[in-house]
Amino acid sequence: MIGVVAVLKVQPDKTADFEKIFLDLQNRVKANEPGCLVYQLTRSRTEAGTYKVLELYASQDALKHHGGTDYFKAAGAAMGPLMADRPEIEYLDAVE
């Protein structure tokens, strides 16, 4: 399994728009990607405008498929203007 933690910093006045776009993406991922075991947006309790996406994939192929979907690419383009900084992405290997 492969884990991903993505830290997303959103402009303070754009958080509602960001959440709407991301939740649509999240629903599409959960409905269409059986290799994506967890795909959950979370909001920081201490840093305004900071979100962390918790992701868990069954395989490298599932992760690659996720990044190649049309809905992922469209959501990224729509969220781009709402961001306050570049995303920070960390890839993790499951310890089993």
PDB file of N, CA and C in Angstrom:
ATOM      1  N   MET A   1       0.838  -1.185   0.000  1.00  0.00           N
ATOM      2  CA  MET A   1       0.000   0.000   0.000  1.00  0.00           C
ATOM      3  C   MET A   1       0.872   1.234   0.000  1.00  0.00           C
ATOM      4  N   ILE A   2       0.310   2.288  -0.575  1.00  0.00           N
ATOM      5  CA  ILE A   2       1.005   3.566  -0.664  1.00  0.00           C
ATOM      6  C   ILE A   2       0.125   4.631  -0.026  1.00  0.00           C
ATOM      7  N   GLY A   3       0.724   5.399   0.869  1.00  0.00           N
ATOM      8  CA  GLY A   3       0.023   6.510   1.487  1.00  0.00           C
ATOM      9  C   GLY A   3       0.492   7.814   0.886  1.00  0.00           C
ATOM     10  N   VAL A   4      -0.403   8.782   0.908  1.00  0.00           N
ATOM     11  CA  VAL A   4      -0.070  10.131   0.453  1.00  0.00           C
ATOM     12  C   VAL A   4      -0.692  11.104   1.442  1.00  0.00           C
ATOM     13  N   VAL A   5       0.090  12.102   1.822  1.00  0.00           N
ATOM     14  CA  VAL A   5      -0.432  13.225   2.595  1.00  0.00           C
ATOM     15  C   VAL A   5      -0.128  14.467   1.783  1.00  0.00           C
ATOM     16  N   ALA A   6      -1.180  15.176   1.407  1.00  0.00           N
ATOM     17  CA  ALA A   6      -1.026  16.409   0.633  1.00  0.00           C
ATOM     18  C   ALA A   6      -1.461  17.578   1.508  1.00  0.00           C
ATOM     19  N   VAL A   7      -0.578  18.548   1.671  1.00  0.00           N
ATOM     20  CA  VAL A   7      -0.900  19.753   2.427  1.00  0.00           C
ATOM     21  C   VAL A   7      -1.240  20.851   1.426  1.00  0.00           C
ATOM     22  N   LEU A   8      -2.443  21.378   1.548  1.00  0.00           N
ATOM     23  CA  LEU A   8      -2.936  22.386   0.618  1.00  0.00           C
ATOM     24  C   LEU A   8      -3.256  23.659   1.386  1.00  0.00           C
ATOM     25  N   LYS A   9      -2.659  24.758   0.950  1.00  0.00           N
ATOM     26  CA  LYS A   9      -2.904  26.057   1.586  1.00  0.00           C
ATOM     27  C   LYS A   9      -3.747  26.901   0.638  1.00  0.00           C
ATOM     28  N   VAL A  10      -4.900  27.318   1.138  1.00  0.00           N
ATOM     29  CA  VAL A  10      -5.902  28.004   0.335  1.00  0.00           C
ATOM     30  C   VAL A  10      -6.016  29.454   0.789  1.00  0.00           C
ATOM     31  N   GLN A  11      -6.236  30.350  -0.166  1.00  0.00           N
ATOM     32  CA  GLN A  11      -6.456  31.756   0.176  1.00  0.00           C
ATOM     33  C   GLN A  11      -7.655  31.845   1.139  1.00  0.00           C
ATOM     34  N   PRO A  12      -7.521  32.633   2.209  1.00  0.00           N
ATOM     35  CA  PRO A  12      -8.561  32.668   3.241  1.00  0.00           C
ATOM     36  C   PRO A  12      -9.973  32.956   2.724  1.00  0.00           C
ATOM     37  N   ASP A  13     -10.100  33.793   1.737  1.00  0.00           N
ATOM     38  CA  ASP A  13     -11.432  34.139   1.236  1.00  0.00           C
ATOM     39  C   ASP A  13     -11.932  33.177   0.159  1.00  0.00           C
ATOM     40  N   LYS A  14     -11.168  32.114  -0.102  1.00  0.00           N
ATOM     41  CA  LYS A  14     -11.524  31.163  -1.164  1.00  0.00           C
ATOM     42  C   LYS A  14     -11.834  29.763  -0.621  1.00  0.00           C
ATOM     43  N   THR A  15     -11.888  29.605   0.709  1.00  0.00           N
ATOM     44  CA  THR A  15     -12.030  28.262   1.273  1.00  0.00           C
ATOM     45  C   THR A  15     -13.361  27.592   0.904  1.00  0.00           C
ATOM     46  N   ALA A  16     -14.444  28.323   0.866  1.00  0.00           N
ATOM     47  CA  ALA A  16     -15.742  27.721   0.519  1.00  0.00           C
ATOM     48  C   ALA A  16     -15.728  27.194  -0.913  1.00  0.00           C
ATOM     49  N   ASP A  17     -15.164  27.967  -1.832  1.00  0.00           N
ATOM     50  CA  ASP A  17     -15.067  27.524  -3.225  1.00  0.00           C
ATOM     51  C   ASP A  17     -14.172  26.291  -3.331  1.00  0.00           C
ATOM     52  N   PHE A  18     -13.045  26.317  -2.617  1.00  0.00           N
ATOM     53  CA  PHE A  18     -12.123  25.191  -2.624  1.00  0.00           C
ATOM     54  C   PHE A  18     -12.812  23.930  -2.119  1.00  0.00           C
ATOM     55  N   GLU A  19     -13.494  24.030  -0.987  1.00  0.00           N
ATOM     56  CA  GLU A  19     -14.145  22.859  -0.410  1.00  0.00           C
ATOM     57  C   GLU A  19     -15.185  22.275  -1.361  1.00  0.00           C
ATOM     58  N   LYS A  20     -15.929  23.116  -2.034  1.00  0.00           N
ATOM     59  CA  LYS A  20     -16.946  22.631  -2.973  1.00  0.00           C
ATOM     60  C   LYS A  20     -16.292  21.824  -4.093  1.00  0.00           C
ATOM     61  N   ILE A  21     -15.236  22.364  -4.675  1.00  0.00           N
ATOM     62  CA  ILE A  21     -14.540  21.672  -5.769  1.00  0.00           C
ATOM     63  C   ILE A  21     -13.927  20.374  -5.263  1.00  0.00           C
ATOM     64  N   PHE A  22     -13.272  20.447  -4.103  1.00  0.00           N
ATOM     65  CA  PHE A  22     -12.587  19.256  -3.612  1.00  0.00           C
ATOM     66  C   PHE A  22     -13.573  18.165  -3.224  1.00  0.00           C
ATOM     67  N   LEU A  23     -14.675  18.522  -2.593  1.00  0.00           N
ATOM     68  CA  LEU A  23     -15.640  17.496  -2.197  1.00  0.00           C
ATOM     69  C   LEU A  23     -16.259  16.805  -3.409  1.00  0.00           C
ATOM     70  N   ASP A  24     -16.431  17.533  -4.502  1.00  0.00           N
ATOM     71  CA  ASP A  24     -16.887  16.895  -5.730  1.00  0.00           C
ATOM     72  C   ASP A  24     -15.836  15.894  -6.215  1.00  0.00           C
ATOM     73  N   LEU A  25     -14.575  16.306  -6.197  1.00  0.00           N
ATOM     74  CA  LEU A  25     -13.488  15.402  -6.573  1.00  0.00           C
ATOM     75  C   LEU A  25     -13.472  14.184  -5.652  1.00  0.00           C
ATOM     76  N   GLN A  26     -13.561  14.404  -4.365  1.00  0.00           N
ATOM     77  CA  GLN A  26     -13.529  13.317  -3.391  1.00  0.00           C
ATOM     78  C   GLN A  26     -14.636  12.298  -3.676  1.00  0.00           C
ATOM     79  N   ASN A  27     -15.822  12.767  -3.965  1.00  0.00           N
ATOM     80  CA  ASN A  27     -16.941  11.871  -4.279  1.00  0.00           C
ATOM     81  C   ASN A  27     -16.681  11.068  -5.547  1.00  0.00           C
ATOM     82  N   ARG A  28     -16.079  11.707  -6.556  1.00  0.00           N
ATOM     83  CA  ARG A  28     -15.770  10.998  -7.807  1.00  0.00           C
ATOM     84  C   ARG A  28     -14.704   9.932  -7.580  1.00  0.00           C
ATOM     85  N   VAL A  29     -13.698  10.267  -6.785  1.00  0.00           N
ATOM     86  CA  VAL A  29     -12.640   9.293  -6.487  1.00  0.00           C
ATOM     87  C   VAL A  29     -13.246   8.085  -5.780  1.00  0.00           C
ATOM     88  N   LYS A  30     -14.047   8.332  -4.749  1.00  0.00           N
ATOM     89  CA  LYS A  30     -14.633   7.233  -3.985  1.00  0.00           C
ATOM     90  C   LYS A  30     -15.565   6.378  -4.841  1.00  0.00           C
ATOM     91  N   ALA A  31     -16.237   6.972  -5.814  1.00  0.00           N
ATOM     92  CA  ALA A  31     -17.184   6.243  -6.661  1.00  0.00           C
ATOM     93  C   ALA A  31     -16.513   5.481  -7.800  1.00  0.00           C
ATOM     94  N   ASN A  32     -15.331   5.925  -8.224  1.00  0.00           N
ATOM     95  CA  ASN A  32     -14.744   5.396  -9.457  1.00  0.00           C
ATOM     96  C   ASN A  32     -13.383   4.728  -9.325  1.00  0.00           C
ATOM     97  N   GLU A  33     -12.791   4.759  -8.142  1.00  0.00           N
ATOM     98  CA  GLU A  33     -11.434   4.234  -7.996  1.00  0.00           C
ATOM     99  C   GLU A  33     -11.359   3.181  -6.891  1.00  0.00           C
ATOM    100  N   PRO A  34     -11.641   1.927  -7.226  1.00  0.00           N
ATOM    101  CA  PRO A  34     -11.589   0.892  -6.190  1.00  0.00           C
ATOM    102  C   PRO A  34     -10.190   0.700  -5.599  1.00  0.00           C
ATOM    103  N   GLY A  35      -9.151   1.093  -6.317  1.00  0.00           N
ATOM    104  CA  GLY A  35      -7.788   0.985  -5.801  1.00  0.00           C
ATOM    105  C   GLY A  35      -7.416   2.093  -4.838  1.00  0.00           C
ATOM    106  N   CYS A  36      -8.282   3.083  -4.704  1.00  0.00           N
ATOM    107  CA  CYS A  36      -8.073   4.149  -3.724  1.00  0.00           C
ATOM    108  C   CYS A  36      -8.881   3.778  -2.488  1.00  0.00           C
ATOM    109  N   LEU A  37      -8.199   3.394  -1.436  1.00  0.00           N
ATOM    110  CA  LEU A  37      -8.845   2.884  -0.235  1.00  0.00           C
ATOM    111  C   LEU A  37      -9.330   4.000   0.690  1.00  0.00           C
ATOM    112  N   VAL A  38      -8.616   5.114   0.705  1.00  0.00           N
ATOM    113  CA  VAL A  38      -8.987   6.283   1.519  1.00  0.00           C
ATOM    114  C   VAL A  38      -8.656   7.525   0.717  1.00  0.00           C
ATOM    115  N   TYR A  39      -9.584   8.459   0.682  1.00  0.00           N
ATOM    116  CA  TYR A  39      -9.357   9.756   0.033  1.00  0.00           C
ATOM    117  C   TYR A  39     -10.198  10.761   0.801  1.00  0.00           C
ATOM    118  N   GLN A  40      -9.577  11.429   1.775  1.00  0.00           N
ATOM    119  CA  GLN A  40     -10.335  12.251   2.702  1.00  0.00           C
ATOM    120  C   GLN A  40      -9.704  13.624   2.874  1.00  0.00           C
ATOM    121  N   LEU A  41     -10.496  14.656   2.618  1.00  0.00           N
ATOM    122  CA  LEU A  41     -10.072  16.028   2.883  1.00  0.00           C
ATOM    123  C   LEU A  41     -10.271  16.315   4.365  1.00  0.00           C
ATOM    124  N   THR A  42      -9.255  16.913   4.996  1.00  0.00           N
ATOM    125  CA  THR A  42      -9.368  17.354   6.385  1.00  0.00           C
ATOM    126  C   THR A  42      -8.922  18.813   6.465  1.00  0.00           C
ATOM    127  N   ARG A  43      -9.464  19.522   7.459  1.00  0.00           N
ATOM    128  CA  ARG A  43      -9.156  20.947   7.648  1.00  0.00           C
ATOM    129  C   ARG A  43      -8.399  21.105   8.966  1.00  0.00           C
ATOM    130  N   SER A  44      -7.329  21.888   8.936  1.00  0.00           N
ATOM    131  CA  SER A  44      -6.548  22.140  10.145  1.00  0.00           C
ATOM    132  C   SER A  44      -7.377  22.894  11.174  1.00  0.00           C
ATOM    133  N   ARG A  45      -7.223  22.508  12.409  1.00  0.00           N
ATOM    134  CA  ARG A  45      -7.885  23.215  13.512  1.00  0.00           C
ATOM    135  C   ARG A  45      -7.077  24.431  13.966  1.00  0.00           C
ATOM    136  N   THR A  46      -5.810  24.484  13.577  1.00  0.00           N
ATOM    137  CA  THR A  46      -4.934  25.543  14.088  1.00  0.00           C
ATOM    138  C   THR A  46      -4.418  26.506  13.029  1.00  0.00           C
ATOM    139  N   GLU A  47      -4.466  26.120  11.751  1.00  0.00           N
ATOM    140  CA  GLU A  47      -3.948  26.971  10.686  1.00  0.00           C
ATOM    141  C   GLU A  47      -5.058  27.280   9.683  1.00  0.00           C
ATOM    142  N   ALA A  48      -5.537  28.496   9.708  1.00  0.00           N
ATOM    143  CA  ALA A  48      -6.617  28.890   8.797  1.00  0.00           C
ATOM    144  C   ALA A  48      -6.198  28.690   7.349  1.00  0.00           C
ATOM    145  N   GLY A  49      -7.097  28.128   6.556  1.00  0.00           N
ATOM    146  CA  GLY A  49      -6.829  27.933   5.134  1.00  0.00           C
ATOM    147  C   GLY A  49      -5.932  26.753   4.821  1.00  0.00           C
ATOM    148  N   THR A  50      -5.592  25.943   5.814  1.00  0.00           N
ATOM    149  CA  THR A  50      -4.724  24.791   5.589  1.00  0.00           C
ATOM    150  C   THR A  50      -5.540  23.507   5.647  1.00  0.00           C
ATOM    151  N   TYR A  51      -5.390  22.699   4.602  1.00  0.00           N
ATOM    152  CA  TYR A  51      -6.083  21.420   4.482  1.00  0.00           C
ATOM    153  C   TYR A  51      -5.049  20.330   4.277  1.00  0.00           C
ATOM    154  N   LYS A  52      -5.382  19.131   4.725  1.00  0.00           N
ATOM    155  CA  LYS A  52      -4.543  17.964   4.462  1.00  0.00           C
ATOM    156  C   LYS A  52      -5.437  16.885   3.863  1.00  0.00           C
ATOM    157  N   VAL A  53      -4.964  16.320   2.770  1.00  0.00           N
ATOM    158  CA  VAL A  53      -5.669  15.227   2.121  1.00  0.00           C
ATOM    159  C   VAL A  53      -4.959  13.941   2.531  1.00  0.00           C
ATOM    160  N   LEU A  54      -5.726  13.023   3.108  1.00  0.00           N
ATOM    161  CA  LEU A  54      -5.203  11.740   3.532  1.00  0.00           C
ATOM    162  C   LEU A  54      -5.609  10.710   2.487  1.00  0.00           C
ATOM    163  N   GLU A  55      -4.616  10.050   1.886  1.00  0.00           N
ATOM    164  CA  GLU A  55      -4.880   9.126   0.782  1.00  0.00           C
ATOM    165  C   GLU A  55      -4.186   7.798   1.052  1.00  0.00           C
ATOM    166  N   LEU A  56      -4.845   6.712   0.654  1.00  0.00           N
ATOM    167  CA  LEU A  56      -4.253   5.387   0.764  1.00  0.00           C
ATOM    168  C   LEU A  56      -4.642   4.591  -0.474  1.00  0.00           C
ATOM    169  N   TYR A  57      -3.631   4.077  -1.166  1.00  0.00           N
ATOM    170  CA  TYR A  57      -3.831   3.356  -2.417  1.00  0.00           C
ATOM    171  C   TYR A  57      -3.365   1.911  -2.267  1.00  0.00           C
ATOM    172  N   ALA A  58      -4.063   1.006  -2.943  1.00  0.00           N
ATOM    173  CA  ALA A  58      -3.720  -0.412  -2.898  1.00  0.00           C
ATOM    174  C   ALA A  58      -2.399  -0.704  -3.596  1.00  0.00           C
ATOM    175  N   SER A  59      -2.032   0.124  -4.574  1.00  0.00           N
ATOM    176  CA  SER A  59      -0.818  -0.141  -5.358  1.00  0.00           C
ATOM    177  C   SER A  59      -0.335   1.127  -6.047  1.00  0.00           C
ATOM    178  N   GLN A  60       0.870   1.041  -6.605  1.00  0.00           N
ATOM    179  CA  GLN A  60       1.408   2.146  -7.394  1.00  0.00           C
ATOM    180  C   GLN A  60       0.542   2.391  -8.624  1.00  0.00           C
ATOM    181  N   ASP A  61       0.016   1.320  -9.214  1.00  0.00           N
ATOM    182  CA  ASP A  61      -0.858   1.464 -10.379  1.00  0.00           C
ATOM    183  C   ASP A  61      -2.125   2.244 -10.033  1.00  0.00           C
ATOM    184  N   ALA A  62      -2.686   1.993  -8.845  1.00  0.00           N
ATOM    185  CA  ALA A  62      -3.886   2.723  -8.417  1.00  0.00           C
ATOM    186  C   ALA A  62      -3.583   4.203  -8.238  1.00  0.00           C
ATOM    187  N   LEU A  63      -2.415   4.513  -7.684  1.00  0.00           N
ATOM    188  CA  LEU A  63      -2.004   5.908  -7.517  1.00  0.00           C
ATOM    189  C   LEU A  63      -1.814   6.570  -8.880  1.00  0.00           C
ATOM    190  N   LYS A  64      -1.182   5.873  -9.795  1.00  0.00           N
ATOM    191  CA  LYS A  64      -0.965   6.411 -11.136  1.00  0.00           C
ATOM    192  C   LYS A  64      -2.291   6.643 -11.848  1.00  0.00           C
ATOM    193  N   HIS A  65      -3.206   5.704 -11.724  1.00  0.00           N
ATOM    194  CA  HIS A  65      -4.530   5.845 -12.334  1.00  0.00           C
ATOM    195  C   HIS A  65      -5.231   7.101 -11.801  1.00  0.00           C
ATOM    196  N   HIS A  66      -5.170   7.299 -10.494  1.00  0.00           N
ATOM    197  CA  HIS A  66      -5.809   8.462  -9.866  1.00  0.00           C
ATOM    198  C   HIS A  66      -5.330   9.763 -10.499  1.00  0.00           C
ATOM    199  N   GLY A  67      -4.018   9.912 -10.611  1.00  0.00           N
ATOM    200  CA  GLY A  67      -3.453  11.133 -11.163  1.00  0.00           C
ATOM    201  C   GLY A  67      -3.759  11.352 -12.635  1.00  0.00           C
ATOM    202  N   GLY A  68      -4.135  10.293 -13.332  1.00  0.00           N
ATOM    203  CA  GLY A  68      -4.413  10.397 -14.756  1.00  0.00           C
ATOM    204  C   GLY A  68      -5.872  10.595 -15.117  1.00  0.00           C
ATOM    205  N   THR A  69      -6.751  10.616 -14.132  1.00  0.00           N
ATOM    206  CA  THR A  69      -8.177  10.750 -14.447  1.00  0.00           C
ATOM    207  C   THR A  69      -8.517  12.173 -14.884  1.00  0.00           C
ATOM    208  N   ASP A  70      -9.488  12.276 -15.762  1.00  0.00           N
ATOM    209  CA  ASP A  70      -9.916  13.589 -16.246  1.00  0.00           C
ATOM    210  C   ASP A  70     -10.470  14.446 -15.116  1.00  0.00           C
ATOM    211  N   TYR A  71     -11.207  13.837 -14.195  1.00  0.00           N
ATOM    212  CA  TYR A  71     -11.796  14.628 -13.104  1.00  0.00           C
ATOM    213  C   TYR A  71     -10.728  15.140 -12.136  1.00  0.00           C
ATOM    214  N   PHE A  72      -9.627  14.390 -11.940  1.00  0.00           N
ATOM    215  CA  PHE A  72      -8.541  14.884 -11.096  1.00  0.00           C
ATOM    216  C   PHE A  72      -7.860  16.081 -11.758  1.00  0.00           C
ATOM    217  N   LYS A  73      -7.601  15.960 -13.050  1.00  0.00           N
ATOM    218  CA  LYS A  73      -6.954  17.058 -13.780  1.00  0.00           C
ATOM    219  C   LYS A  73      -7.844  18.308 -13.799  1.00  0.00           C
ATOM    220  N   ALA A  74      -9.149  18.132 -14.004  1.00  0.00           N
ATOM    221  CA  ALA A  74     -10.073  19.271 -14.036  1.00  0.00           C
ATOM    222  C   ALA A  74     -10.158  19.941 -12.668  1.00  0.00           C
ATOM    223  N   ALA A  75     -10.197  19.144 -11.606  1.00  0.00           N
ATOM    224  CA  ALA A  75     -10.262  19.720 -10.259  1.00  0.00           C
ATOM    225  C   ALA A  75      -8.991  20.498  -9.949  1.00  0.00           C
ATOM    226  N   GLY A  76      -7.841  19.953 -10.341  1.00  0.00           N
ATOM    227  CA  GLY A  76      -6.580  20.660 -10.112  1.00  0.00           C
ATOM    228  C   GLY A  76      -6.559  22.010 -10.802  1.00  0.00           C
ATOM    229  N   ALA A  77      -7.047  22.049 -12.035  1.00  0.00           N
ATOM    230  CA  ALA A  77      -7.096  23.320 -12.771  1.00  0.00           C
ATOM    231  C   ALA A  77      -8.054  24.306 -12.104  1.00  0.00           C
ATOM    232  N   ALA A  78      -9.175  23.809 -11.608  1.00  0.00           N
ATOM    233  CA  ALA A  78     -10.164  24.682 -10.963  1.00  0.00           C
ATOM    234  C   ALA A  78      -9.668  25.190  -9.610  1.00  0.00           C
ATOM    235  N   MET A  79      -8.910  24.376  -8.892  1.00  0.00           N
ATOM    236  CA  MET A  79      -8.425  24.771  -7.561  1.00  0.00           C
ATOM    237  C   MET A  79      -7.199  25.675  -7.637  1.00  0.00           C
ATOM    238  N   GLY A  80      -6.449  25.606  -8.719  1.00  0.00           N
ATOM    239  CA  GLY A  80      -5.211  26.370  -8.835  1.00  0.00           C
ATOM    240  C   GLY A  80      -5.319  27.834  -8.442  1.00  0.00           C
ATOM    241  N   PRO A  81      -6.296  28.581  -8.981  1.00  0.00           N
ATOM    242  CA  PRO A  81      -6.404  29.999  -8.643  1.00  0.00           C
ATOM    243  C   PRO A  81      -6.813  30.278  -7.190  1.00  0.00           C
ATOM    244  N   LEU A  82      -7.248  29.249  -6.472  1.00  0.00           N
ATOM    245  CA  LEU A  82      -7.700  29.418  -5.088  1.00  0.00           C
ATOM    246  C   LEU A  82      -6.581  29.201  -4.075  1.00  0.00           C
ATOM    247  N   MET A  83      -5.463  28.681  -4.556  1.00  0.00           N
ATOM    248  CA  MET A  83      -4.389  28.292  -3.655  1.00  0.00           C
ATOM    249  C   MET A  83      -3.548  29.490  -3.213  1.00  0.00           C
ATOM    250  N   ALA A  84      -3.028  29.392  -1.986  1.00  0.00           N
ATOM    251  CA  ALA A  84      -2.151  30.425  -1.444  1.00  0.00           C
ATOM    252  C   ALA A  84      -0.682  30.047  -1.620  1.00  0.00           C
ATOM    253  N   ASP A  85      -0.412  28.773  -1.913  1.00  0.00           N
ATOM    254  CA  ASP A  85       0.960  28.286  -2.058  1.00  0.00           C
ATOM    255  C   ASP A  85       0.917  26.971  -2.829  1.00  0.00           C
ATOM    256  N   ARG A  86       2.077  26.491  -3.201  1.00  0.00           N
ATOM    257  CA  ARG A  86       2.160  25.201  -3.898  1.00  0.00           C
ATOM    258  C   ARG A  86       1.826  24.072  -2.922  1.00  0.00           C
ATOM    259  N   PRO A  87       1.199  23.006  -3.403  1.00  0.00           N
ATOM    260  CA  PRO A  87       0.932  21.859  -2.529  1.00  0.00           C
ATOM    261  C   PRO A  87       2.226  21.199  -2.063  1.00  0.00           C
ATOM    262  N   GLU A  88       2.190  20.664  -0.866  1.00  0.00           N
ATOM    263  CA  GLU A  88       3.295  19.856  -0.339  1.00  0.00           C
ATOM    264  C   GLU A  88       2.796  18.420  -0.316  1.00  0.00           C
ATOM    265  N   ILE A  89       3.472  17.545  -1.047  1.00  0.00           N
ATOM    266  CA  ILE A  89       3.043  16.157  -1.178  1.00  0.00           C
ATOM    267  C   ILE A  89       4.096  15.240  -0.561  1.00  0.00           C
ATOM    268  N   GLU A  90       3.656  14.337   0.304  1.00  0.00           N
ATOM    269  CA  GLU A  90       4.551  13.343   0.893  1.00  0.00           C
ATOM    270  C   GLU A  90       4.010  11.960   0.552  1.00  0.00           C
ATOM    271  N   TYR A  91       4.875  11.103   0.025  1.00  0.00           N
ATOM    272  CA  TYR A  91       4.516   9.731  -0.315  1.00  0.00           C
ATOM    273  C   TYR A  91       5.050   8.809   0.779  1.00  0.00           C
ATOM    274  N   LEU A  92       4.232   7.834   1.156  1.00  0.00           N
ATOM    275  CA  LEU A  92       4.560   6.954   2.264  1.00  0.00           C
ATOM    276  C   LEU A  92       4.377   5.497   1.856  1.00  0.00           C
ATOM    277  N   ASP A  93       5.212   4.622   2.392  1.00  0.00           N
ATOM    278  CA  ASP A  93       5.054   3.189   2.175  1.00  0.00           C
ATOM    279  C   ASP A  93       4.475   2.564   3.429  1.00  0.00           C
ATOM    280  N   ALA A  94       3.469   1.719   3.249  1.00  0.00           N
ATOM    281  CA  ALA A  94       2.843   1.037   4.383  1.00  0.00           C
ATOM    282  C   ALA A  94       3.840   0.063   4.995  1.00  0.00           C
ATOM    283  N   VAL A  95       3.803  -0.029   6.294  1.00  0.00           N
ATOM    284  CA  VAL A  95       4.613  -0.995   7.028  1.00  0.00           C
ATOM    285  C   VAL A  95       3.669  -2.137   7.398  1.00  0.00           C
ATOM    286  N   GLU A  96       3.930  -3.296   6.794  1.00  0.00           N
ATOM    287  CA  GLU A  96       3.010  -4.423   6.988  1.00  0.00           C
ATOM    288  C   GLU A  96       3.765  -5.640   7.463  1.00  0.00           C
TER     289      GLU A  96
END
